[in-house]
Amino acid sequence: SAWVTRREVAYVEYLEAENRSLRSQLPGKP
């Protein structure tokens, strides 16, 4: 259970970082 939770947290952190990177490339409102 602890391993699965850490893995899920890692997925979410990656997706949040990717989201921030993509959002910074947007010229205006999506």
PDB file of all heavy atoms in Angstrom:
ATOM      1  N   SER A   1       0.827  -1.204   0.000  1.00  0.00           N
ATOM      2  CA  SER A   1       0.000   0.000   0.000  1.00  0.00           C
ATOM      3  C   SER A   1       0.862   1.256   0.000  1.00  0.00           C
ATOM      4  O   SER A   1       0.584   2.213  -0.728  1.00  0.00           O
ATOM      5  CB  SER A   1      -0.917  -0.012   1.225  1.00  0.00           C
ATOM      6  OG  SER A   1      -1.622   1.195   1.310  1.00  0.00           O
ATOM      7  N   ALA A   2       1.915   1.277   0.804  1.00  0.00           N
ATOM      8  CA  ALA A   2       2.809   2.437   0.858  1.00  0.00           C
ATOM      9  C   ALA A   2       3.513   2.634  -0.482  1.00  0.00           C
ATOM     10  O   ALA A   2       3.667   3.768  -0.951  1.00  0.00           O
ATOM     11  CB  ALA A   2       3.827   2.269   1.978  1.00  0.00           C
ATOM     12  N   TRP A   3       3.924   1.545  -1.122  1.00  0.00           N
ATOM     13  CA  TRP A   3       4.605   1.640  -2.416  1.00  0.00           C
ATOM     14  C   TRP A   3       3.660   2.212  -3.474  1.00  0.00           C
ATOM     15  O   TRP A   3       4.036   3.094  -4.241  1.00  0.00           O
ATOM     16  CB  TRP A   3       5.113   0.266  -2.838  1.00  0.00           C
ATOM     17  CG  TRP A   3       5.760   0.271  -4.184  1.00  0.00           C
ATOM     18  CD1 TRP A   3       7.022   0.677  -4.497  1.00  0.00           C
ATOM     19  CD2 TRP A   3       5.164  -0.138  -5.425  1.00  0.00           C
ATOM     20  NE1 TRP A   3       7.248   0.543  -5.841  1.00  0.00           N
ATOM     21  CE2 TRP A   3       6.125   0.043  -6.438  1.00  0.00           C
ATOM     22  CE3 TRP A   3       3.911  -0.643  -5.767  1.00  0.00           C
ATOM     23  CZ2 TRP A   3       5.870  -0.252  -7.766  1.00  0.00           C
ATOM     24  CZ3 TRP A   3       3.661  -0.936  -7.092  1.00  0.00           C
ATOM     25  CH2 TRP A   3       4.628  -0.745  -8.073  1.00  0.00           C
ATOM     26  N   VAL A   4       2.420   1.734  -3.492  1.00  0.00           N
ATOM     27  CA  VAL A   4       1.434   2.217  -4.466  1.00  0.00           C
ATOM     28  C   VAL A   4       1.163   3.699  -4.235  1.00  0.00           C
ATOM     29  O   VAL A   4       1.111   4.480  -5.181  1.00  0.00           O
ATOM     30  CB  VAL A   4       0.136   1.381  -4.386  1.00  0.00           C
ATOM     31  CG1 VAL A   4      -0.988   2.034  -5.174  1.00  0.00           C
ATOM     32  CG2 VAL A   4       0.382  -0.034  -4.886  1.00  0.00           C
ATOM     33  N   THR A   5       1.032   4.102  -2.976  1.00  0.00           N
ATOM     34  CA  THR A   5       0.774   5.502  -2.666  1.00  0.00           C
ATOM     35  C   THR A   5       1.929   6.392  -3.130  1.00  0.00           C
ATOM     36  O   THR A   5       1.707   7.434  -3.738  1.00  0.00           O
ATOM     37  CB  THR A   5       0.537   5.681  -1.156  1.00  0.00           C
ATOM     38  OG1 THR A   5      -0.589   4.880  -0.784  1.00  0.00           O
ATOM     39  CG2 THR A   5       0.267   7.118  -0.801  1.00  0.00           C
ATOM     40  N   ARG A   6       3.173   5.983  -2.858  1.00  0.00           N
ATOM     41  CA  ARG A   6       4.328   6.779  -3.306  1.00  0.00           C
ATOM     42  C   ARG A   6       4.353   6.875  -4.828  1.00  0.00           C
ATOM     43  O   ARG A   6       4.682   7.914  -5.390  1.00  0.00           O
ATOM     44  CB  ARG A   6       5.630   6.148  -2.800  1.00  0.00           C
ATOM     45  CG  ARG A   6       5.948   6.484  -1.369  1.00  0.00           C
ATOM     46  CD  ARG A   6       7.388   6.171  -1.012  1.00  0.00           C
ATOM     47  NE  ARG A   6       7.786   4.814  -1.329  1.00  0.00           N
ATOM     48  CZ  ARG A   6       7.667   3.767  -0.526  1.00  0.00           C
ATOM     49  NH1 ARG A   6       7.135   3.904   0.663  1.00  0.00           N
ATOM     50  NH2 ARG A   6       8.074   2.574  -0.902  1.00  0.00           N
ATOM     51  N   ARG A   7       4.027   5.789  -5.507  1.00  0.00           N
ATOM     52  CA  ARG A   7       4.010   5.779  -6.961  1.00  0.00           C
ATOM     53  C   ARG A   7       2.935   6.730  -7.496  1.00  0.00           C
ATOM     54  O   ARG A   7       3.177   7.474  -8.440  1.00  0.00           O
ATOM     55  CB  ARG A   7       3.798   4.359  -7.466  1.00  0.00           C
ATOM     56  CG  ARG A   7       3.984   4.184  -8.934  1.00  0.00           C
ATOM     57  CD  ARG A   7       4.403   2.763  -9.226  1.00  0.00           C
ATOM     58  NE  ARG A   7       4.427   2.505 -10.638  1.00  0.00           N
ATOM     59  CZ  ARG A   7       5.495   2.696 -11.397  1.00  0.00           C
ATOM     60  NH1 ARG A   7       6.603   3.141 -10.864  1.00  0.00           N
ATOM     61  NH2 ARG A   7       5.449   2.431 -12.690  1.00  0.00           N
ATOM     62  N   GLU A   8       1.770   6.721  -6.889  1.00  0.00           N
ATOM     63  CA  GLU A   8       0.698   7.621  -7.312  1.00  0.00           C
ATOM     64  C   GLU A   8       1.097   9.080  -7.081  1.00  0.00           C
ATOM     65  O   GLU A   8       0.830   9.939  -7.921  1.00  0.00           O
ATOM     66  CB  GLU A   8      -0.589   7.307  -6.561  1.00  0.00           C
ATOM     67  CG  GLU A   8      -1.241   6.015  -7.012  1.00  0.00           C
ATOM     68  CD  GLU A   8      -2.434   5.625  -6.169  1.00  0.00           C
ATOM     69  OE1 GLU A   8      -2.618   6.186  -5.060  1.00  0.00           O
ATOM     70  OE2 GLU A   8      -3.178   4.744  -6.605  1.00  0.00           O
ATOM     71  N   VAL A   9       1.736   9.370  -5.975  1.00  0.00           N
ATOM     72  CA  VAL A   9       2.206  10.725  -5.694  1.00  0.00           C
ATOM     73  C   VAL A   9       3.217  11.146  -6.755  1.00  0.00           C
ATOM     74  O   VAL A   9       3.178  12.278  -7.254  1.00  0.00           O
ATOM     75  CB  VAL A   9       2.801  10.827  -4.272  1.00  0.00           C
ATOM     76  CG1 VAL A   9       3.568  12.121  -4.079  1.00  0.00           C
ATOM     77  CG2 VAL A   9       1.700  10.691  -3.230  1.00  0.00           C
ATOM     78  N   ALA A  10       4.108  10.242  -7.121  1.00  0.00           N
ATOM     79  CA  ALA A  10       5.106  10.550  -8.153  1.00  0.00           C
ATOM     80  C   ALA A  10       4.425  10.849  -9.492  1.00  0.00           C
ATOM     81  O   ALA A  10       4.834  11.774 -10.205  1.00  0.00           O
ATOM     82  CB  ALA A  10       6.101   9.396  -8.296  1.00  0.00           C
ATOM     83  N   TYR A  11       3.392  10.075  -9.837  1.00  0.00           N
ATOM     84  CA  TYR A  11       2.649  10.343 -11.075  1.00  0.00           C
ATOM     85  C   TYR A  11       2.029  11.738 -11.040  1.00  0.00           C
ATOM     86  O   TYR A  11       2.141  12.507 -12.001  1.00  0.00           O
ATOM     87  CB  TYR A  11       1.518   9.327 -11.276  1.00  0.00           C
ATOM     88  CG  TYR A  11       1.935   7.991 -11.820  1.00  0.00           C
ATOM     89  CD1 TYR A  11       1.431   6.817 -11.269  1.00  0.00           C
ATOM     90  CD2 TYR A  11       2.802   7.876 -12.900  1.00  0.00           C
ATOM     91  CE1 TYR A  11       1.797   5.576 -11.757  1.00  0.00           C
ATOM     92  CE2 TYR A  11       3.164   6.638 -13.405  1.00  0.00           C
ATOM     93  CZ  TYR A  11       2.655   5.500 -12.830  1.00  0.00           C
ATOM     94  OH  TYR A  11       3.015   4.280 -13.318  1.00  0.00           O
ATOM     95  N   VAL A  12       1.363  12.055  -9.950  1.00  0.00           N
ATOM     96  CA  VAL A  12       0.692  13.349  -9.837  1.00  0.00           C
ATOM     97  C   VAL A  12       1.705  14.486  -9.900  1.00  0.00           C
ATOM     98  O   VAL A  12       1.487  15.488 -10.581  1.00  0.00           O
ATOM     99  CB  VAL A  12      -0.154  13.417  -8.549  1.00  0.00           C
ATOM    100  CG1 VAL A  12      -0.653  14.829  -8.291  1.00  0.00           C
ATOM    101  CG2 VAL A  12      -1.326  12.441  -8.634  1.00  0.00           C
ATOM    102  N   GLU A  13       2.830  14.340  -9.198  1.00  0.00           N
ATOM    103  CA  GLU A  13       3.852  15.390  -9.225  1.00  0.00           C
ATOM    104  C   GLU A  13       4.403  15.589 -10.628  1.00  0.00           C
ATOM    105  O   GLU A  13       4.632  16.728 -11.059  1.00  0.00           O
ATOM    106  CB  GLU A  13       4.969  15.062  -8.244  1.00  0.00           C
ATOM    107  CG  GLU A  13       4.556  15.220  -6.800  1.00  0.00           C
ATOM    108  CD  GLU A  13       5.616  14.760  -5.822  1.00  0.00           C
ATOM    109  OE1 GLU A  13       6.613  14.124  -6.247  1.00  0.00           O
ATOM    110  OE2 GLU A  13       5.450  15.038  -4.622  1.00  0.00           O
ATOM    111  N   TYR A  14       4.593  14.495 -11.352  1.00  0.00           N
ATOM    112  CA  TYR A  14       5.070  14.626 -12.738  1.00  0.00           C
ATOM    113  C   TYR A  14       4.033  15.353 -13.590  1.00  0.00           C
ATOM    114  O   TYR A  14       4.369  16.281 -14.331  1.00  0.00           O
ATOM    115  CB  TYR A  14       5.370  13.253 -13.359  1.00  0.00           C
ATOM    116  CG  TYR A  14       5.583  13.383 -14.849  1.00  0.00           C
ATOM    117  CD1 TYR A  14       6.786  13.846 -15.350  1.00  0.00           C
ATOM    118  CD2 TYR A  14       4.548  13.135 -15.740  1.00  0.00           C
ATOM    119  CE1 TYR A  14       6.968  14.025 -16.706  1.00  0.00           C
ATOM    120  CE2 TYR A  14       4.725  13.318 -17.101  1.00  0.00           C
ATOM    121  CZ  TYR A  14       5.932  13.757 -17.582  1.00  0.00           C
ATOM    122  OH  TYR A  14       6.095  13.945 -18.922  1.00  0.00           O
ATOM    123  N   LEU A  15       2.781  14.943 -13.492  1.00  0.00           N
ATOM    124  CA  LEU A  15       1.743  15.559 -14.309  1.00  0.00           C
ATOM    125  C   LEU A  15       1.551  17.033 -13.968  1.00  0.00           C
ATOM    126  O   LEU A  15       1.295  17.850 -14.860  1.00  0.00           O
ATOM    127  CB  LEU A  15       0.427  14.785 -14.159  1.00  0.00           C
ATOM    128  CG  LEU A  15       0.442  13.388 -14.768  1.00  0.00           C
ATOM    129  CD1 LEU A  15      -0.826  12.627 -14.399  1.00  0.00           C
ATOM    130  CD2 LEU A  15       0.627  13.441 -16.277  1.00  0.00           C
ATOM    131  N   GLU A  16       1.697  17.389 -12.701  1.00  0.00           N
ATOM    132  CA  GLU A  16       1.611  18.798 -12.323  1.00  0.00           C
ATOM    133  C   GLU A  16       2.761  19.596 -12.933  1.00  0.00           C
ATOM    134  O   GLU A  16       2.560  20.705 -13.435  1.00  0.00           O
ATOM    135  CB  GLU A  16       1.609  18.951 -10.805  1.00  0.00           C
ATOM    136  CG  GLU A  16       0.298  18.557 -10.163  1.00  0.00           C
ATOM    137  CD  GLU A  16       0.321  18.659  -8.653  1.00  0.00           C
ATOM    138  OE1 GLU A  16       1.425  18.608  -8.052  1.00  0.00           O
ATOM    139  OE2 GLU A  16      -0.760  18.788  -8.065  1.00  0.00           O
ATOM    140  N   ALA A  17       3.963  19.043 -12.896  1.00  0.00           N
ATOM    141  CA  ALA A  17       5.119  19.724 -13.489  1.00  0.00           C
ATOM    142  C   ALA A  17       4.941  19.862 -15.002  1.00  0.00           C
ATOM    143  O   ALA A  17       5.243  20.919 -15.582  1.00  0.00           O
ATOM    144  CB  ALA A  17       6.406  18.966 -13.166  1.00  0.00           C
ATOM    145  N   GLU A  18       4.465  18.826 -15.635  1.00  0.00           N
ATOM    146  CA  GLU A  18       4.222  18.877 -17.074  1.00  0.00           C
ATOM    147  C   GLU A  18       3.152  19.917 -17.390  1.00  0.00           C
ATOM    148  O   GLU A  18       3.295  20.704 -18.334  1.00  0.00           O
ATOM    149  CB  GLU A  18       3.786  17.492 -17.558  1.00  0.00           C
ATOM    150  CG  GLU A  18       3.575  17.406 -19.055  1.00  0.00           C
ATOM    151  CD  GLU A  18       3.170  16.011 -19.472  1.00  0.00           C
ATOM    152  OE1 GLU A  18       2.121  15.521 -18.991  1.00  0.00           O
ATOM    153  OE2 GLU A  18       3.896  15.414 -20.271  1.00  0.00           O
ATOM    154  N   ASN A  19       2.116  19.946 -16.586  1.00  0.00           N
ATOM    155  CA  ASN A  19       1.034  20.903 -16.770  1.00  0.00           C
ATOM    156  C   ASN A  19       1.552  22.333 -16.653  1.00  0.00           C
ATOM    157  O   ASN A  19       1.225  23.199 -17.470  1.00  0.00           O
ATOM    158  CB  ASN A  19      -0.055  20.632 -15.724  1.00  0.00           C
ATOM    159  CG  ASN A  19      -1.341  21.350 -16.012  1.00  0.00           C
ATOM    160  OD1 ASN A  19      -1.496  22.005 -17.026  1.00  0.00           O
ATOM    161  ND2 ASN A  19      -2.273  21.238 -15.097  1.00  0.00           N
ATOM    162  N   ARG A  20       2.375  22.605 -15.635  1.00  0.00           N
ATOM    163  CA  ARG A  20       2.957  23.947 -15.473  1.00  0.00           C
ATOM    164  C   ARG A  20       3.798  24.323 -16.694  1.00  0.00           C
ATOM    165  O   ARG A  20       3.729  25.448 -17.189  1.00  0.00           O
ATOM    166  CB  ARG A  20       3.827  24.005 -14.219  1.00  0.00           C
ATOM    167  CG  ARG A  20       3.074  24.246 -12.938  1.00  0.00           C
ATOM    168  CD  ARG A  20       4.000  24.575 -11.783  1.00  0.00           C
ATOM    169  NE  ARG A  20       5.021  23.553 -11.536  1.00  0.00           N
ATOM    170  CZ  ARG A  20       4.833  22.454 -10.810  1.00  0.00           C
ATOM    171  NH1 ARG A  20       3.666  22.221 -10.257  1.00  0.00           N
ATOM    172  NH2 ARG A  20       5.812  21.594 -10.627  1.00  0.00           N
ATOM    173  N   SER A  21       4.590  23.373 -17.185  1.00  0.00           N
ATOM    174  CA  SER A  21       5.445  23.646 -18.350  1.00  0.00           C
ATOM    175  C   SER A  21       4.618  23.959 -19.581  1.00  0.00           C
ATOM    176  O   SER A  21       4.912  24.914 -20.315  1.00  0.00           O
ATOM    177  CB  SER A  21       6.344  22.441 -18.637  1.00  0.00           C
ATOM    178  OG  SER A  21       7.208  22.201 -17.573  1.00  0.00           O
ATOM    179  N   LEU A  22       3.589  23.177 -19.819  1.00  0.00           N
ATOM    180  CA  LEU A  22       2.743  23.407 -20.995  1.00  0.00           C
ATOM    181  C   LEU A  22       1.959  24.709 -20.866  1.00  0.00           C
ATOM    182  O   LEU A  22       1.817  25.451 -21.828  1.00  0.00           O
ATOM    183  CB  LEU A  22       1.795  22.225 -21.194  1.00  0.00           C
ATOM    184  CG  LEU A  22       2.467  20.915 -21.603  1.00  0.00           C
ATOM    185  CD1 LEU A  22       1.469  19.763 -21.582  1.00  0.00           C
ATOM    186  CD2 LEU A  22       3.123  21.041 -22.956  1.00  0.00           C
ATOM    187  N   ARG A  23       1.464  24.988 -19.672  1.00  0.00           N
ATOM    188  CA  ARG A  23       0.700  26.214 -19.446  1.00  0.00           C
ATOM    189  C   ARG A  23       1.571  27.443 -19.677  1.00  0.00           C
ATOM    190  O   ARG A  23       1.106  28.460 -20.201  1.00  0.00           O
ATOM    191  CB  ARG A  23       0.134  26.218 -18.032  1.00  0.00           C
ATOM    192  CG  ARG A  23      -0.907  27.273 -17.827  1.00  0.00           C
ATOM    193  CD  ARG A  23      -1.589  27.186 -16.500  1.00  0.00           C
ATOM    194  NE  ARG A  23      -1.193  25.995 -15.786  1.00  0.00           N
ATOM    195  CZ  ARG A  23      -1.092  25.905 -14.480  1.00  0.00           C
ATOM    196  NH1 ARG A  23      -1.366  26.925 -13.738  1.00  0.00           N
ATOM    197  NH2 ARG A  23      -0.723  24.783 -13.904  1.00  0.00           N
ATOM    198  N   SER A  24       2.850  27.366 -19.315  1.00  0.00           N
ATOM    199  CA  SER A  24       3.740  28.516 -19.496  1.00  0.00           C
ATOM    200  C   SER A  24       3.974  28.817 -20.976  1.00  0.00           C
ATOM    201  O   SER A  24       4.375  29.925 -21.325  1.00  0.00           O
ATOM    202  CB  SER A  24       5.073  28.271 -18.795  1.00  0.00           C
ATOM    203  OG  SER A  24       5.831  27.292 -19.486  1.00  0.00           O
ATOM    204  N   GLN A  25       3.720  27.856 -21.840  1.00  0.00           N
ATOM    205  CA  GLN A  25       3.908  28.053 -23.272  1.00  0.00           C
ATOM    206  C   GLN A  25       2.675  28.634 -23.960  1.00  0.00           C
ATOM    207  O   GLN A  25       2.745  29.027 -25.117  1.00  0.00           O
ATOM    208  CB  GLN A  25       4.273  26.724 -23.939  1.00  0.00           C
ATOM    209  CG  GLN A  25       5.586  26.156 -23.452  1.00  0.00           C
ATOM    210  CD  GLN A  25       5.859  24.792 -24.050  1.00  0.00           C
ATOM    211  OE1 GLN A  25       5.482  24.513 -25.177  1.00  0.00           O
ATOM    212  NE2 GLN A  25       6.531  23.946 -23.285  1.00  0.00           N
ATOM    213  N   LEU A  26       1.558  28.682 -23.241  1.00  0.00           N
ATOM    214  CA  LEU A  26       0.327  29.198 -23.833  1.00  0.00           C
ATOM    215  C   LEU A  26       0.373  30.725 -23.872  1.00  0.00           C
ATOM    216  O   LEU A  26       0.689  31.358 -22.863  1.00  0.00           O
ATOM    217  CB  LEU A  26      -0.894  28.749 -23.027  1.00  0.00           C
ATOM    218  CG  LEU A  26      -1.177  27.253 -23.003  1.00  0.00           C
ATOM    219  CD1 LEU A  26      -2.322  26.955 -22.044  1.00  0.00           C
ATOM    220  CD2 LEU A  26      -1.504  26.756 -24.386  1.00  0.00           C
ATOM    221  N   PRO A  27       0.047  31.320 -25.026  1.00  0.00           N
ATOM    222  CA  PRO A  27       0.096  32.777 -25.117  1.00  0.00           C
ATOM    223  C   PRO A  27      -1.051  33.465 -24.375  1.00  0.00           C
ATOM    224  O   PRO A  27      -0.931  34.584 -23.941  1.00  0.00           O
ATOM    225  CB  PRO A  27       0.006  33.041 -26.614  1.00  0.00           C
ATOM    226  CG  PRO A  27      -0.686  31.848 -27.167  1.00  0.00           C
ATOM    227  CD  PRO A  27      -0.303  30.694 -26.284  1.00  0.00           C
ATOM    228  N   GLY A  28      -2.180  32.808 -24.239  1.00  0.00           N
ATOM    229  CA  GLY A  28      -3.348  33.417 -23.585  1.00  0.00           C
ATOM    230  C   GLY A  28      -4.174  32.347 -22.916  1.00  0.00           C
ATOM    231  O   GLY A  28      -3.665  31.300 -22.518  1.00  0.00           O
ATOM    232  N   LYS A  29      -5.451  32.620 -22.827  1.00  0.00           N
ATOM    233  CA  LYS A  29      -6.336  31.643 -22.212  1.00  0.00           C
ATOM    234  C   LYS A  29      -6.499  30.448 -23.147  1.00  0.00           C
ATOM    235  O   LYS A  29      -6.668  30.619 -24.357  1.00  0.00           O
ATOM    236  CB  LYS A  29      -7.704  32.271 -21.955  1.00  0.00           C
ATOM    237  CG  LYS A  29      -7.703  33.263 -20.815  1.00  0.00           C
ATOM    238  CD  LYS A  29      -9.009  34.008 -20.655  1.00  0.00           C
ATOM    239  CE  LYS A  29     -10.189  33.082 -20.608  1.00  0.00           C
ATOM    240  NZ  LYS A  29     -11.446  33.769 -20.300  1.00  0.00           N
ATOM    241  N   PRO A  30      -6.478  29.221 -22.611  1.00  0.00           N
ATOM    242  CA  PRO A  30      -6.666  28.056 -23.471  1.00  0.00           C
ATOM    243  C   PRO A  30      -8.106  27.983 -23.976  1.00  0.00           C
ATOM    244  O   PRO A  30      -9.035  28.415 -23.297  1.00  0.00           O
ATOM    245  CB  PRO A  30      -6.335  26.877 -22.558  1.00  0.00           C
ATOM    246  CG  PRO A  30      -6.520  27.385 -21.174  1.00  0.00           C
ATOM    247  CD  PRO A  30      -6.244  28.854 -21.223  1.00  0.00           C
TER     248      PRO A  30
END
